[in-house]
Amino acid sequence: MKPDALILHKIMSSSTYTISQAQAKLPRLIKEDSFAISVHGEVKGFYLSKQRLEAMIESIELLENPEFTAALKAHRSGNAKTYTVKELDKKFSA
């Protein structure tokens, strides 16, 4: 497996199937979140569920937002302001 395919496989998939295995098990596999398909031991493609793909797109969109990334950095550094549910209710019900 090529290094880039190995990284993607570790991130996105817990299972790898040959084309023959994937064809035989497709009705069951399609219920999985993701899986990889290999040819002669080399990963050639990935299946991602609709939900997984939508989550990835949402994450990309959030990371493109400068306000979000600033808030994320503040949170990770411990400098983010936190609110209780009561404080949020008060703030947004006004």
C-alpha atoms as a PDB file:
ATOM      1  CA  MET A   1       0.000   0.000   0.000  1.00  0.00           C
ATOM      2  CA  LYS A   2       1.391   3.428  -0.909  1.00  0.00           C
ATOM      3  CA  PRO A   3       2.036   5.777   2.041  1.00  0.00           C
ATOM      4  CA  ASP A   4      -0.683   8.269   1.027  1.00  0.00           C
ATOM      5  CA  ALA A   5      -3.242   5.488   0.626  1.00  0.00           C
ATOM      6  CA  LEU A   6      -2.217   4.036   3.990  1.00  0.00           C
ATOM      7  CA  ILE A   7      -2.818   7.378   5.725  1.00  0.00           C
ATOM      8  CA  LEU A   8      -6.240   7.752   4.091  1.00  0.00           C
ATOM      9  CA  HIS A   9      -7.107   4.175   4.937  1.00  0.00           C
ATOM     10  CA  LYS A  10      -6.262   4.689   8.627  1.00  0.00           C
ATOM     11  CA  ILE A  11      -8.295   7.892   8.769  1.00  0.00           C
ATOM     12  CA  MET A  12     -11.314   6.815   6.794  1.00  0.00           C
ATOM     13  CA  SER A  13     -11.724   3.094   6.939  1.00  0.00           C
ATOM     14  CA  SER A  14     -11.610   0.221   9.321  1.00  0.00           C
ATOM     15  CA  SER A  15     -11.964  -2.401   6.571  1.00  0.00           C
ATOM     16  CA  THR A  16     -10.329  -3.181   3.244  1.00  0.00           C
ATOM     17  CA  TYR A  17     -11.863  -5.508   0.671  1.00  0.00           C
ATOM     18  CA  THR A  18     -10.752  -6.807  -2.699  1.00  0.00           C
ATOM     19  CA  ILE A  19     -13.016  -5.979  -5.620  1.00  0.00           C
ATOM     20  CA  SER A  20     -14.382  -9.536  -5.579  1.00  0.00           C
ATOM     21  CA  GLN A  21     -15.127  -9.377  -1.860  1.00  0.00           C
ATOM     22  CA  ALA A  22     -16.762  -5.949  -2.202  1.00  0.00           C
ATOM     23  CA  GLN A  23     -18.967  -7.153  -5.069  1.00  0.00           C
ATOM     24  CA  ALA A  24     -20.065 -10.212  -3.121  1.00  0.00           C
ATOM     25  CA  LYS A  25     -20.763  -8.276   0.091  1.00  0.00           C
ATOM     26  CA  LEU A  26     -21.988  -4.969  -1.337  1.00  0.00           C
ATOM     27  CA  PRO A  27     -25.506  -5.042   0.177  1.00  0.00           C
ATOM     28  CA  ARG A  28     -23.944  -5.445   3.649  1.00  0.00           C
ATOM     29  CA  LEU A  29     -20.961  -3.167   3.025  1.00  0.00           C
ATOM     30  CA  ILE A  30     -23.112  -0.272   1.896  1.00  0.00           C
ATOM     31  CA  LYS A  31     -24.401  -0.055   5.489  1.00  0.00           C
ATOM     32  CA  GLU A  32     -20.862   0.621   6.772  1.00  0.00           C
ATOM     33  CA  ASP A  33     -19.571   4.138   7.379  1.00  0.00           C
ATOM     34  CA  SER A  34     -16.594   3.611   5.089  1.00  0.00           C
ATOM     35  CA  PHE A  35     -14.366   0.970   3.567  1.00  0.00           C
ATOM     36  CA  ALA A  36     -11.468   0.671   1.164  1.00  0.00           C
ATOM     37  CA  ILE A  37     -11.240  -1.388  -2.032  1.00  0.00           C
ATOM     38  CA  SER A  38      -7.931  -2.875  -3.067  1.00  0.00           C
ATOM     39  CA  VAL A  39      -6.571  -4.428  -6.231  1.00  0.00           C
ATOM     40  CA  HIS A  40      -3.569  -6.741  -5.907  1.00  0.00           C
ATOM     41  CA  GLY A  41      -2.998  -5.503  -2.348  1.00  0.00           C
ATOM     42  CA  GLU A  42      -3.022  -1.798  -3.250  1.00  0.00           C
ATOM     43  CA  VAL A  43      -5.870   0.437  -2.115  1.00  0.00           C
ATOM     44  CA  LYS A  44      -7.515   1.901  -5.208  1.00  0.00           C
ATOM     45  CA  GLY A  45     -10.576   3.576  -3.774  1.00  0.00           C
ATOM     46  CA  PHE A  46     -12.753   4.357  -0.792  1.00  0.00           C
ATOM     47  CA  TYR A  47     -16.460   4.237  -0.088  1.00  0.00           C
ATOM     48  CA  LEU A  48     -17.807   6.926   2.243  1.00  0.00           C
ATOM     49  CA  SER A  49     -21.378   6.964   3.475  1.00  0.00           C
ATOM     50  CA  LYS A  50     -23.494  10.031   2.745  1.00  0.00           C
ATOM     51  CA  GLN A  51     -23.377  10.992   6.417  1.00  0.00           C
ATOM     52  CA  ARG A  52     -19.576  10.646   6.567  1.00  0.00           C
ATOM     53  CA  LEU A  53     -19.110  12.741   3.434  1.00  0.00           C
ATOM     54  CA  GLU A  54     -21.501  15.439   4.674  1.00  0.00           C
ATOM     55  CA  ALA A  55     -19.615  15.574   7.999  1.00  0.00           C
ATOM     56  CA  MET A  56     -16.296  15.952   6.180  1.00  0.00           C
ATOM     57  CA  ILE A  57     -17.664  18.757   4.001  1.00  0.00           C
ATOM     58  CA  GLU A  58     -19.073  20.515   7.062  1.00  0.00           C
ATOM     59  CA  SER A  59     -15.691  20.247   8.795  1.00  0.00           C
ATOM     60  CA  ILE A  60     -13.925  21.717   5.769  1.00  0.00           C
ATOM     61  CA  GLU A  61     -16.421  24.580   5.618  1.00  0.00           C
ATOM     62  CA  LEU A  62     -15.927  25.320   9.324  1.00  0.00           C
ATOM     63  CA  LEU A  63     -12.144  25.282   8.986  1.00  0.00           C
ATOM     64  CA  GLU A  64     -12.406  27.807   6.133  1.00  0.00           C
ATOM     65  CA  ASN A  65     -14.240  30.236   8.451  1.00  0.00           C
ATOM     66  CA  PRO A  66     -11.716  32.598  10.113  1.00  0.00           C
ATOM     67  CA  GLU A  67     -14.017  33.266  13.095  1.00  0.00           C
ATOM     68  CA  PHE A  68     -14.416  29.555  13.732  1.00  0.00           C
ATOM     69  CA  THR A  69     -10.697  28.830  13.471  1.00  0.00           C
ATOM     70  CA  ALA A  70      -9.923  31.710  15.849  1.00  0.00           C
ATOM     71  CA  ALA A  71     -12.463  30.357  18.353  1.00  0.00           C
ATOM     72  CA  LEU A  72     -11.025  26.848  17.968  1.00  0.00           C
ATOM     73  CA  LYS A  73      -7.496  28.110  18.619  1.00  0.00           C
ATOM     74  CA  ALA A  74      -8.724  30.003  21.684  1.00  0.00           C
ATOM     75  CA  HIS A  75     -10.464  26.880  22.953  1.00  0.00           C
ATOM     76  CA  ARG A  76      -7.417  24.673  22.431  1.00  0.00           C
ATOM     77  CA  SER A  77      -5.165  27.164  24.214  1.00  0.00           C
ATOM     78  CA  GLY A  78      -7.558  27.421  27.155  1.00  0.00           C
ATOM     79  CA  ASN A  79      -8.402  31.072  26.447  1.00  0.00           C
ATOM     80  CA  ALA A  80     -11.964  30.598  25.243  1.00  0.00           C
ATOM     81  CA  LYS A  81     -14.903  32.093  27.123  1.00  0.00           C
ATOM     82  CA  THR A  82     -17.389  29.462  28.237  1.00  0.00           C
ATOM     83  CA  TYR A  83     -21.052  29.977  29.114  1.00  0.00           C
ATOM     84  CA  THR A  84     -23.560  28.037  31.170  1.00  0.00           C
ATOM     85  CA  VAL A  85     -26.867  27.034  29.603  1.00  0.00           C
ATOM     86  CA  LYS A  86     -28.567  29.563  31.865  1.00  0.00           C
ATOM     87  CA  GLU A  87     -26.274  32.354  30.587  1.00  0.00           C
ATOM     88  CA  LEU A  88     -26.945  31.386  26.971  1.00  0.00           C
ATOM     89  CA  ASP A  89     -30.695  31.251  27.547  1.00  0.00           C
ATOM     90  CA  LYS A  90     -30.578  34.717  29.081  1.00  0.00           C
ATOM     91  CA  LYS A  91     -28.375  36.095  26.296  1.00  0.00           C
ATOM     92  CA  PHE A  92     -30.465  34.741  23.419  1.00  0.00           C
ATOM     93  CA  SER A  93     -33.941  35.199  24.868  1.00  0.00           C
ATOM     94  CA  ALA A  94     -33.521  38.959  25.225  1.00  0.00           C
END
